[in-house]
PDB file of N, CA and C in Angstrom:
ATOM      1  N   MET A   1     -11.207   2.753 -13.462  1.00  0.00           N
ATOM      2  CA  MET A   1      -9.989   3.031 -12.722  1.00  0.00           C
ATOM      3  C   MET A   1      -8.841   3.176 -13.721  1.00  0.00           C
ATOM      4  N   ASP A   2      -7.972   4.099 -13.448  1.00  0.00           N
ATOM      5  CA  ASP A   2      -6.777   4.321 -14.248  1.00  0.00           C
ATOM      6  C   ASP A   2      -5.945   3.030 -14.292  1.00  0.00           C
ATOM      7  N   PRO A   3      -5.381   2.666 -15.445  1.00  0.00           N
ATOM      8  CA  PRO A   3      -4.597   1.429 -15.545  1.00  0.00           C
ATOM      9  C   PRO A   3      -3.423   1.369 -14.567  1.00  0.00           C
ATOM     10  N   GLU A   4      -2.776   2.483 -14.310  1.00  0.00           N
ATOM     11  CA  GLU A   4      -1.662   2.492 -13.364  1.00  0.00           C
ATOM     12  C   GLU A   4      -2.149   2.263 -11.930  1.00  0.00           C
ATOM     13  N   ASP A   5      -3.327   2.797 -11.601  1.00  0.00           N
ATOM     14  CA  ASP A   5      -3.908   2.550 -10.280  1.00  0.00           C
ATOM     15  C   ASP A   5      -4.354   1.099 -10.164  1.00  0.00           C
ATOM     16  N   SER A   6      -4.911   0.563 -11.238  1.00  0.00           N
ATOM     17  CA  SER A   6      -5.308  -0.841 -11.254  1.00  0.00           C
ATOM     18  C   SER A   6      -4.101  -1.747 -11.000  1.00  0.00           C
ATOM     19  N   LYS A   7      -2.960  -1.364 -11.556  1.00  0.00           N
ATOM     20  CA  LYS A   7      -1.732  -2.139 -11.371  1.00  0.00           C
ATOM     21  C   LYS A   7      -1.342  -2.222  -9.900  1.00  0.00           C
ATOM     22  N   ILE A   8      -1.398  -1.115  -9.158  1.00  0.00           N
ATOM     23  CA  ILE A   8      -0.974  -1.189  -7.758  1.00  0.00           C
ATOM     24  C   ILE A   8      -1.990  -1.936  -6.896  1.00  0.00           C
ATOM     25  N   VAL A   9      -3.270  -1.881  -7.258  1.00  0.00           N
ATOM     26  CA  VAL A   9      -4.258  -2.698  -6.546  1.00  0.00           C
ATOM     27  C   VAL A   9      -3.965  -4.179  -6.786  1.00  0.00           C
ATOM     28  N   THR A  10      -3.653  -4.530  -8.030  1.00  0.00           N
ATOM     29  CA  THR A  10      -3.322  -5.917  -8.365  1.00  0.00           C
ATOM     30  C   THR A  10      -2.066  -6.371  -7.622  1.00  0.00           C
ATOM     31  N   LEU A  11      -1.040  -5.523  -7.571  1.00  0.00           N
ATOM     32  CA  LEU A  11       0.178  -5.863  -6.832  1.00  0.00           C
ATOM     33  C   LEU A  11      -0.101  -6.071  -5.348  1.00  0.00           C
ATOM     34  N   ALA A  12      -0.919  -5.205  -4.769  1.00  0.00           N
ATOM     35  CA  ALA A  12      -1.261  -5.333  -3.350  1.00  0.00           C
ATOM     36  C   ALA A  12      -2.028  -6.627  -3.092  1.00  0.00           C
ATOM     37  N   ARG A  13      -2.966  -6.957  -3.973  1.00  0.00           N
ATOM     38  CA  ARG A  13      -3.734  -8.208  -3.838  1.00  0.00           C
ATOM     39  C   ARG A  13      -2.818  -9.418  -3.926  1.00  0.00           C
ATOM     40  N   ALA A  14      -1.927  -9.419  -4.896  1.00  0.00           N
ATOM     41  CA  ALA A  14      -1.037 -10.561  -5.108  1.00  0.00           C
ATOM     42  C   ALA A  14      -0.073 -10.744  -3.939  1.00  0.00           C
ATOM     43  N   THR A  15       0.462  -9.656  -3.442  1.00  0.00           N
ATOM     44  CA  THR A  15       1.391  -9.737  -2.313  1.00  0.00           C
ATOM     45  C   THR A  15       0.686 -10.265  -1.074  1.00  0.00           C
ATOM     46  N   ARG A  16      -0.519  -9.763  -0.819  1.00  0.00           N
ATOM     47  CA  ARG A  16      -1.305 -10.226   0.326  1.00  0.00           C
ATOM     48  C   ARG A  16      -1.592 -11.719   0.207  1.00  0.00           C
ATOM     49  N   ALA A  17      -2.028 -12.155  -0.968  1.00  0.00           N
ATOM     50  CA  ALA A  17      -2.370 -13.567  -1.176  1.00  0.00           C
ATOM     51  C   ALA A  17      -1.138 -14.469  -1.065  1.00  0.00           C
ATOM     52  N   ARG A  18      -0.036 -14.039  -1.666  1.00  0.00           N
ATOM     53  CA  ARG A  18       1.184 -14.849  -1.659  1.00  0.00           C
ATOM     54  C   ARG A  18       1.676 -15.114  -0.239  1.00  0.00           C
ATOM     55  N   ASN A  19       1.558 -14.122   0.625  1.00  0.00           N
ATOM     56  CA  ASN A  19       2.049 -14.255   1.993  1.00  0.00           C
ATOM     57  C   ASN A  19       0.952 -14.624   2.990  1.00  0.00           C
ATOM     58  N   ALA A  20      -0.272 -14.793   2.513  1.00  0.00           N
ATOM     59  CA  ALA A  20      -1.415 -15.095   3.385  1.00  0.00           C
ATOM     60  C   ALA A  20      -1.473 -14.121   4.558  1.00  0.00           C
ATOM     61  N   SER A  21      -1.353 -12.830   4.233  1.00  0.00           N
ATOM     62  CA  SER A  21      -1.330 -11.776   5.245  1.00  0.00           C
ATOM     63  C   SER A  21      -2.676 -11.079   5.349  1.00  0.00           C
ATOM     64  N   ALA A  22      -2.846 -10.371   6.438  1.00  0.00           N
ATOM     65  CA  ALA A  22      -4.085  -9.622   6.649  1.00  0.00           C
ATOM     66  C   ALA A  22      -4.196  -8.443   5.692  1.00  0.00           C
ATOM     67  N   GLN A  23      -3.064  -7.842   5.361  1.00  0.00           N
ATOM     68  CA  GLN A  23      -3.052  -6.660   4.498  1.00  0.00           C
ATOM     69  C   GLN A  23      -2.002  -6.808   3.402  1.00  0.00           C
ATOM     70  N   GLY A  24      -2.287  -6.207   2.280  1.00  0.00           N
ATOM     71  CA  GLY A  24      -1.312  -6.038   1.210  1.00  0.00           C
ATOM     72  C   GLY A  24      -1.378  -4.597   0.768  1.00  0.00           C
ATOM     73  N   ALA A  25      -0.254  -4.033   0.411  1.00  0.00           N
ATOM     74  CA  ALA A  25      -0.238  -2.641  -0.044  1.00  0.00           C
ATOM     75  C   ALA A  25       0.769  -2.499  -1.174  1.00  0.00           C
ATOM     76  N   ALA A  26       0.555  -1.480  -1.970  1.00  0.00           N
ATOM     77  CA  ALA A  26       1.512  -1.120  -3.011  1.00  0.00           C
ATOM     78  C   ALA A  26       1.480   0.390  -3.177  1.00  0.00           C
ATOM     79  N   VAL A  27       2.626   0.948  -3.478  1.00  0.00           N
ATOM     80  CA  VAL A  27       2.735   2.391  -3.731  1.00  0.00           C
ATOM     81  C   VAL A  27       3.483   2.601  -5.041  1.00  0.00           C
ATOM     82  N   ARG A  28       3.223   3.744  -5.670  1.00  0.00           N
ATOM     83  CA  ARG A  28       3.909   4.138  -6.898  1.00  0.00           C
ATOM     84  C   ARG A  28       4.599   5.467  -6.631  1.00  0.00           C
ATOM     85  N   ASP A  29       5.901   5.528  -6.905  1.00  0.00           N
ATOM     86  CA  ASP A  29       6.632   6.763  -6.636  1.00  0.00           C
ATOM     87  C   ASP A  29       6.592   7.715  -7.827  1.00  0.00           C
ATOM     88  N   GLU A  30       7.288   8.824  -7.689  1.00  0.00           N
ATOM     89  CA  GLU A  30       7.247   9.888  -8.698  1.00  0.00           C
ATOM     90  C   GLU A  30       7.869   9.473 -10.024  1.00  0.00           C
ATOM     91  N   THR A  31       8.635   8.393 -10.032  1.00  0.00           N
ATOM     92  CA  THR A  31       9.242   7.926 -11.282  1.00  0.00           C
ATOM     93  C   THR A  31       8.464   6.775 -11.907  1.00  0.00           C
ATOM     94  N   GLY A  32       7.398   6.336 -11.216  1.00  0.00           N
ATOM     95  CA  GLY A  32       6.599   5.225 -11.713  1.00  0.00           C
ATOM     96  C   GLY A  32       6.992   3.874 -11.144  1.00  0.00           C
ATOM     97  N   ARG A  33       8.063   3.839 -10.355  1.00  0.00           N
ATOM     98  CA  ARG A  33       8.448   2.572  -9.712  1.00  0.00           C
ATOM     99  C   ARG A  33       7.400   2.189  -8.681  1.00  0.00           C
ATOM    100  N   THR A  34       7.197   0.885  -8.523  1.00  0.00           N
ATOM    101  CA  THR A  34       6.214   0.395  -7.563  1.00  0.00           C
ATOM    102  C   THR A  34       6.890  -0.464  -6.508  1.00  0.00           C
ATOM    103  N   TYR A  35       6.278  -0.468  -5.336  1.00  0.00           N
ATOM    104  CA  TYR A  35       6.764  -1.231  -4.197  1.00  0.00           C
ATOM    105  C   TYR A  35       5.552  -1.872  -3.547  1.00  0.00           C
ATOM    106  N   SER A  36       5.635  -3.164  -3.262  1.00  0.00           N
ATOM    107  CA  SER A  36       4.512  -3.840  -2.615  1.00  0.00           C
ATOM    108  C   SER A  36       4.994  -4.520  -1.343  1.00  0.00           C
ATOM    109  N   ALA A  37       4.091  -4.652  -0.381  1.00  0.00           N
ATOM    110  CA  ALA A  37       4.459  -5.207   0.916  1.00  0.00           C
ATOM    111  C   ALA A  37       3.221  -5.733   1.635  1.00  0.00           C
ATOM    112  N   THR A  38       3.470  -6.490   2.676  1.00  0.00           N
ATOM    113  CA  THR A  38       2.411  -6.928   3.579  1.00  0.00           C
ATOM    114  C   THR A  38       2.688  -6.364   4.962  1.00  0.00           C
ATOM    115  N   ASN A  39       1.714  -6.504   5.837  1.00  0.00           N
ATOM    116  CA  ASN A  39       1.902  -6.060   7.205  1.00  0.00           C
ATOM    117  C   ASN A  39       2.939  -6.958   7.896  1.00  0.00           C
ATOM    118  N   VAL A  40       3.604  -6.402   8.911  1.00  0.00           N
ATOM    119  CA  VAL A  40       4.601  -7.126   9.698  1.00  0.00           C
ATOM    120  C   VAL A  40       4.058  -7.263  11.108  1.00  0.00           C
ATOM    121  N   GLU A  41       3.982  -8.485  11.580  1.00  0.00           N
ATOM    122  CA  GLU A  41       3.455  -8.759  12.925  1.00  0.00           C
ATOM    123  C   GLU A  41       4.471  -9.598  13.694  1.00  0.00           C
ATOM    124  N   LEU A  42       5.455  -8.944  14.286  1.00  0.00           N
ATOM    125  CA  LEU A  42       6.444  -9.605  15.128  1.00  0.00           C
ATOM    126  C   LEU A  42       6.216  -9.184  16.574  1.00  0.00           C
ATOM    127  N   ALA A  43       6.785  -9.922  17.487  1.00  0.00           N
ATOM    128  CA  ALA A  43       6.625  -9.559  18.897  1.00  0.00           C
ATOM    129  C   ALA A  43       7.160  -8.155  19.175  1.00  0.00           C
ATOM    130  N   ALA A  44       8.261  -7.809  18.536  1.00  0.00           N
ATOM    131  CA  ALA A  44       8.899  -6.524  18.801  1.00  0.00           C
ATOM    132  C   ALA A  44       8.640  -5.464  17.729  1.00  0.00           C
ATOM    133  N   LEU A  45       7.870  -5.797  16.694  1.00  0.00           N
ATOM    134  CA  LEU A  45       7.663  -4.842  15.606  1.00  0.00           C
ATOM    135  C   LEU A  45       6.320  -5.078  14.935  1.00  0.00           C
ATOM    136  N   ARG A  46       5.514  -4.025  14.854  1.00  0.00           N
ATOM    137  CA  ARG A  46       4.229  -4.090  14.159  1.00  0.00           C
ATOM    138  C   ARG A  46       4.151  -2.915  13.195  1.00  0.00           C
ATOM    139  N   LEU A  47       4.031  -3.262  11.912  1.00  0.00           N
ATOM    140  CA  LEU A  47       3.899  -2.239  10.879  1.00  0.00           C
ATOM    141  C   LEU A  47       2.769  -2.636   9.944  1.00  0.00           C
ATOM    142  N   SER A  48       2.014  -1.662   9.506  1.00  0.00           N
ATOM    143  CA  SER A  48       0.972  -1.936   8.525  1.00  0.00           C
ATOM    144  C   SER A  48       1.627  -2.149   7.167  1.00  0.00           C
ATOM    145  N   ALA A  49       0.877  -2.730   6.257  1.00  0.00           N
ATOM    146  CA  ALA A  49       1.391  -2.957   4.911  1.00  0.00           C
ATOM    147  C   ALA A  49       1.747  -1.631   4.223  1.00  0.00           C
ATOM    148  N   LEU A  50       0.930  -0.612   4.418  1.00  0.00           N
ATOM    149  CA  LEU A  50       1.244   0.688   3.825  1.00  0.00           C
ATOM    150  C   LEU A  50       2.526   1.274   4.403  1.00  0.00           C
ATOM    151  N   GLN A  51       2.721   1.140   5.695  1.00  0.00           N
ATOM    152  CA  GLN A  51       3.939   1.657   6.308  1.00  0.00           C
ATOM    153  C   GLN A  51       5.172   0.954   5.744  1.00  0.00           C
ATOM    154  N   VAL A  52       5.088  -0.362   5.553  1.00  0.00           N
ATOM    155  CA  VAL A  52       6.221  -1.109   5.002  1.00  0.00           C
ATOM    156  C   VAL A  52       6.478  -0.688   3.556  1.00  0.00           C
ATOM    157  N   ALA A  53       5.432  -0.584   2.757  1.00  0.00           N
ATOM    158  CA  ALA A  53       5.596  -0.201   1.351  1.00  0.00           C
ATOM    159  C   ALA A  53       6.202   1.196   1.228  1.00  0.00           C
ATOM    160  N   VAL A  54       5.740   2.125   2.046  1.00  0.00           N
ATOM    161  CA  VAL A  54       6.291   3.479   2.017  1.00  0.00           C
ATOM    162  C   VAL A  54       7.754   3.462   2.454  1.00  0.00           C
ATOM    163  N   ALA A  55       8.066   2.706   3.494  1.00  0.00           N
ATOM    164  CA  ALA A  55       9.456   2.615   3.950  1.00  0.00           C
ATOM    165  C   ALA A  55      10.355   2.037   2.856  1.00  0.00           C
ATOM    166  N   MET A  56       9.860   1.038   2.147  1.00  0.00           N
ATOM    167  CA  MET A  56      10.638   0.467   1.044  1.00  0.00           C
ATOM    168  C   MET A  56      10.898   1.512  -0.036  1.00  0.00           C
ATOM    169  N   ALA A  57       9.882   2.286  -0.365  1.00  0.00           N
ATOM    170  CA  ALA A  57      10.032   3.315  -1.390  1.00  0.00           C
ATOM    171  C   ALA A  57      11.052   4.370  -0.955  1.00  0.00           C
ATOM    172  N   VAL A  58      10.915   4.847   0.261  1.00  0.00           N
ATOM    173  CA  VAL A  58      11.823   5.884   0.759  1.00  0.00           C
ATOM    174  C   VAL A  58      13.250   5.350   0.844  1.00  0.00           C
ATOM    175  N   SER A  59      13.414   4.118   1.317  1.00  0.00           N
ATOM    176  CA  SER A  59      14.768   3.570   1.434  1.00  0.00           C
ATOM    177  C   SER A  59      15.383   3.277   0.069  1.00  0.00           C
ATOM    178  N   SER A  60      14.563   3.261  -0.966  1.00  0.00           N
ATOM    179  CA  SER A  60      15.063   3.078  -2.334  1.00  0.00           C
ATOM    180  C   SER A  60      15.276   4.404  -3.054  1.00  0.00           C
ATOM    181  N   GLY A  61      15.052   5.502  -2.351  1.00  0.00           N
ATOM    182  CA  GLY A  61      15.322   6.815  -2.919  1.00  0.00           C
ATOM    183  C   GLY A  61      14.121   7.605  -3.393  1.00  0.00           C
ATOM    184  N   ALA A  62      12.915   7.082  -3.215  1.00  0.00           N
ATOM    185  CA  ALA A  62      11.726   7.826  -3.634  1.00  0.00           C
ATOM    186  C   ALA A  62      11.614   9.116  -2.826  1.00  0.00           C
ATOM    187  N   GLU A  63      11.278  10.181  -3.526  1.00  0.00           N
ATOM    188  CA  GLU A  63      11.093  11.472  -2.867  1.00  0.00           C
ATOM    189  C   GLU A  63       9.630  11.818  -2.676  1.00  0.00           C
ATOM    190  N   SER A  64       8.760  11.205  -3.476  1.00  0.00           N
ATOM    191  CA  SER A  64       7.328  11.433  -3.330  1.00  0.00           C
ATOM    192  C   SER A  64       6.575  10.235  -3.891  1.00  0.00           C
ATOM    193  N   LEU A  65       5.292  10.181  -3.583  1.00  0.00           N
ATOM    194  CA  LEU A  65       4.420   9.119  -4.075  1.00  0.00           C
ATOM    195  C   LEU A  65       3.326   9.713  -4.935  1.00  0.00           C
ATOM    196  N   GLU A  66       2.984   8.984  -5.996  1.00  0.00           N
ATOM    197  CA  GLU A  66       1.845   9.371  -6.826  1.00  0.00           C
ATOM    198  C   GLU A  66       0.556   8.755  -6.305  1.00  0.00           C
ATOM    199  N   ALA A  67       0.650   7.491  -5.844  1.00  0.00           N
ATOM    200  CA  ALA A  67      -0.563   6.781  -5.423  1.00  0.00           C
ATOM    201  C   ALA A  67      -0.186   5.637  -4.494  1.00  0.00           C
ATOM    202  N   ALA A  68      -1.189   5.187  -3.740  1.00  0.00           N
ATOM    203  CA  ALA A  68      -1.024   4.054  -2.835  1.00  0.00           C
ATOM    204  C   ALA A  68      -2.302   3.232  -2.856  1.00  0.00           C
ATOM    205  N   ALA A  69      -2.145   1.940  -2.595  1.00  0.00           N
ATOM    206  CA  ALA A  69      -3.303   1.042  -2.525  1.00  0.00           C
ATOM    207  C   ALA A  69      -3.158   0.133  -1.314  1.00  0.00           C
ATOM    208  N   LEU A  70      -4.274  -0.116  -0.660  1.00  0.00           N
ATOM    209  CA  LEU A  70      -4.336  -1.031   0.467  1.00  0.00           C
ATOM    210  C   LEU A  70      -5.422  -2.059   0.186  1.00  0.00           C
ATOM    211  N   VAL A  71      -5.084  -3.333   0.344  1.00  0.00           N
ATOM    212  CA  VAL A  71      -6.048  -4.416   0.193  1.00  0.00           C
ATOM    213  C   VAL A  71      -6.141  -5.133   1.528  1.00  0.00           C
ATOM    214  N   SER A  72      -7.364  -5.249   2.027  1.00  0.00           N
ATOM    215  CA  SER A  72      -7.586  -5.861   3.335  1.00  0.00           C
ATOM    216  C   SER A  72      -9.028  -6.338   3.420  1.00  0.00           C
ATOM    217  N   ASP A  73      -9.244  -7.395   4.191  1.00  0.00           N
ATOM    218  CA  ASP A  73     -10.628  -7.810   4.423  1.00  0.00           C
ATOM    219  C   ASP A  73     -11.178  -7.149   5.680  1.00  0.00           C
ATOM    220  N   GLY A  74     -10.354  -6.347   6.325  1.00  0.00           N
ATOM    221  CA  GLY A  74     -10.767  -5.634   7.530  1.00  0.00           C
ATOM    222  C   GLY A  74     -11.093  -4.190   7.236  1.00  0.00           C
ATOM    223  N   ASP A  75     -10.855  -3.377   8.235  1.00  0.00           N
ATOM    224  CA  ASP A  75     -11.118  -1.957   8.116  1.00  0.00           C
ATOM    225  C   ASP A  75     -10.167  -1.300   7.132  1.00  0.00           C
ATOM    226  N   GLY A  76     -10.482  -0.072   6.803  1.00  0.00           N
ATOM    227  CA  GLY A  76      -9.641   0.701   5.897  1.00  0.00           C
ATOM    228  C   GLY A  76      -8.351   1.132   6.562  1.00  0.00           C
ATOM    229  N   PRO A  77      -7.648   2.040   5.948  1.00  0.00           N
ATOM    230  CA  PRO A  77      -6.363   2.483   6.489  1.00  0.00           C
ATOM    231  C   PRO A  77      -6.544   3.227   7.805  1.00  0.00           C
ATOM    232  N   SER A  78      -5.554   3.088   8.668  1.00  0.00           N
ATOM    233  CA  SER A  78      -5.564   3.816   9.935  1.00  0.00           C
ATOM    234  C   SER A  78      -5.194   5.277   9.674  1.00  0.00           C
ATOM    235  N   ALA A  79      -5.362   6.089  10.692  1.00  0.00           N
ATOM    236  CA  ALA A  79      -4.961   7.493  10.568  1.00  0.00           C
ATOM    237  C   ALA A  79      -3.462   7.591  10.311  1.00  0.00           C
ATOM    238  N   ASP A  80      -2.665   6.702  10.926  1.00  0.00           N
ATOM    239  CA  ASP A  80      -1.216   6.694  10.695  1.00  0.00           C
ATOM    240  C   ASP A  80      -0.896   6.326   9.249  1.00  0.00           C
ATOM    241  N   ASP A  81      -1.636   5.353   8.690  1.00  0.00           N
ATOM    242  CA  ASP A  81      -1.431   4.973   7.287  1.00  0.00           C
ATOM    243  C   ASP A  81      -1.711   6.159   6.371  1.00  0.00           C
ATOM    244  N   GLU A  82      -2.819   6.811   6.590  1.00  0.00           N
ATOM    245  CA  GLU A  82      -3.181   7.955   5.759  1.00  0.00           C
ATOM    246  C   GLU A  82      -2.136   9.060   5.877  1.00  0.00           C
ATOM    247  N   ALA A  83      -1.640   9.280   7.094  1.00  0.00           N
ATOM    248  CA  ALA A  83      -0.649  10.340   7.315  1.00  0.00           C
ATOM    249  C   ALA A  83       0.654  10.061   6.583  1.00  0.00           C
ATOM    250  N   VAL A  84       1.136   8.822   6.625  1.00  0.00           N
ATOM    251  CA  VAL A  84       2.414   8.504   5.985  1.00  0.00           C
ATOM    252  C   VAL A  84       2.301   8.604   4.463  1.00  0.00           C
ATOM    253  N   VAL A  85       1.163   8.240   3.916  1.00  0.00           N
ATOM    254  CA  VAL A  85       0.955   8.354   2.466  1.00  0.00           C
ATOM    255  C   VAL A  85       0.866   9.821   2.059  1.00  0.00           C
ATOM    256  N   ARG A  86       0.132  10.599   2.820  1.00  0.00           N
ATOM    257  CA  ARG A  86      -0.035  12.027   2.510  1.00  0.00           C
ATOM    258  C   ARG A  86       1.274  12.802   2.691  1.00  0.00           C
ATOM    259  N   GLU A  87       2.083  12.375   3.675  1.00  0.00           N
ATOM    260  CA  GLU A  87       3.352  13.070   3.916  1.00  0.00           C
ATOM    261  C   GLU A  87       4.233  13.065   2.671  1.00  0.00           C
ATOM    262  N   LEU A  88       4.130  12.019   1.880  1.00  0.00           N
ATOM    263  CA  LEU A  88       4.920  11.939   0.654  1.00  0.00           C
ATOM    264  C   LEU A  88       4.149  12.442  -0.568  1.00  0.00           C
ATOM    265  N   GLY A  89       3.020  13.095  -0.333  1.00  0.00           N
ATOM    266  CA  GLY A  89       2.326  13.795  -1.404  1.00  0.00           C
ATOM    267  C   GLY A  89       1.330  13.008  -2.228  1.00  0.00           C
ATOM    268  N   ALA A  90       1.078  11.759  -1.871  1.00  0.00           N
ATOM    269  CA  ALA A  90       0.120  10.974  -2.659  1.00  0.00           C
ATOM    270  C   ALA A  90      -1.283  11.541  -2.495  1.00  0.00           C
ATOM    271  N   GLU A  91      -1.915  11.812  -3.613  1.00  0.00           N
ATOM    272  CA  GLU A  91      -3.290  12.287  -3.579  1.00  0.00           C
ATOM    273  C   GLU A  91      -4.275  11.139  -3.686  1.00  0.00           C
ATOM    274  N   THR A  92      -3.819  10.002  -4.180  1.00  0.00           N
ATOM    275  CA  THR A  92      -4.687   8.849  -4.371  1.00  0.00           C
ATOM    276  C   THR A  92      -4.341   7.761  -3.373  1.00  0.00           C
ATOM    277  N   LEU A  93      -5.332   7.366  -2.573  1.00  0.00           N
ATOM    278  CA  LEU A  93      -5.206   6.225  -1.664  1.00  0.00           C
ATOM    279  C   LEU A  93      -6.391   5.318  -1.945  1.00  0.00           C
ATOM    280  N   LEU A  94      -6.114   4.234  -2.655  1.00  0.00           N
ATOM    281  CA  LEU A  94      -7.153   3.277  -3.026  1.00  0.00           C
ATOM    282  C   LEU A  94      -7.272   2.216  -1.945  1.00  0.00           C
ATOM    283  N   VAL A  95      -8.495   1.895  -1.569  1.00  0.00           N
ATOM    284  CA  VAL A  95      -8.740   0.863  -0.566  1.00  0.00           C
ATOM    285  C   VAL A  95      -9.670  -0.164  -1.194  1.00  0.00           C
ATOM    286  N   ALA A  96      -9.237  -1.422  -1.160  1.00  0.00           N
ATOM    287  CA  ALA A  96     -10.003  -2.483  -1.811  1.00  0.00           C
ATOM    288  C   ALA A  96     -10.082  -3.709  -0.910  1.00  0.00           C
ATOM    289  N   GLY A  97     -11.087  -4.527  -1.188  1.00  0.00           N
ATOM    290  CA  GLY A  97     -11.210  -5.817  -0.532  1.00  0.00           C
ATOM    291  C   GLY A  97     -10.335  -6.836  -1.235  1.00  0.00           C
ATOM    292  N   PRO A  98     -10.248  -8.051  -0.690  1.00  0.00           N
ATOM    293  CA  PRO A  98      -9.419  -9.097  -1.298  1.00  0.00           C
ATOM    294  C   PRO A  98      -9.809  -9.412  -2.739  1.00  0.00           C
ATOM    295  N   ASP A  99     -11.055  -9.138  -3.108  1.00  0.00           N
ATOM    296  CA  ASP A  99     -11.504  -9.397  -4.475  1.00  0.00           C
ATOM    297  C   ASP A  99     -11.106  -8.274  -5.441  1.00  0.00           C
ATOM    298  N   GLY A 100     -10.499  -7.223  -4.925  1.00  0.00           N
ATOM    299  CA  GLY A 100     -10.061  -6.103  -5.746  1.00  0.00           C
ATOM    300  C   GLY A 100     -11.101  -5.022  -5.925  1.00  0.00           C
ATOM    301  N   GLU A 101     -12.290  -5.239  -5.389  1.00  0.00           N
ATOM    302  CA  GLU A 101     -13.342  -4.218  -5.510  1.00  0.00           C
ATOM    303  C   GLU A 101     -13.021  -3.045  -4.594  1.00  0.00           C
ATOM    304  N   LEU A 102     -13.048  -1.859  -5.191  1.00  0.00           N
ATOM    305  CA  LEU A 102     -12.707  -0.648  -4.423  1.00  0.00           C
ATOM    306  C   LEU A 102     -13.774  -0.319  -3.390  1.00  0.00           C
ATOM    307  N   ARG A 103     -13.310   0.044  -2.220  1.00  0.00           N
ATOM    308  CA  ARG A 103     -14.199   0.545  -1.160  1.00  0.00           C
ATOM    309  C   ARG A 103     -14.157   2.060  -1.135  1.00  0.00           C
ATOM    310  N   SER A 104     -13.009   2.603  -1.491  1.00  0.00           N
ATOM    311  CA  SER A 104     -12.853   4.068  -1.556  1.00  0.00           C
ATOM    312  C   SER A 104     -11.664   4.424  -2.401  1.00  0.00           C
TER     313      SER A 104
END
């Protein structure tokens, strides 16, 4: 795995573990900046970790994404997750288990 891709998988794993969340995600924008997040599960708001990470990147001025990573012990990314990552041009969407082993 590319060292930069390994970095976002590591960030996603660490964020997930730190918050004891179901999902952790990290994205890398066109300038190399990274953003990591966990899923949000509130009564009035539900967002996947990828959706939160992408929103953080966009609200910080990112215009496109180079790569994204999702770490979860459950299923892979939803169709909505894939769509939001692709909308910003990311060609790489890494999916890993909590141990960091890639599933896809």
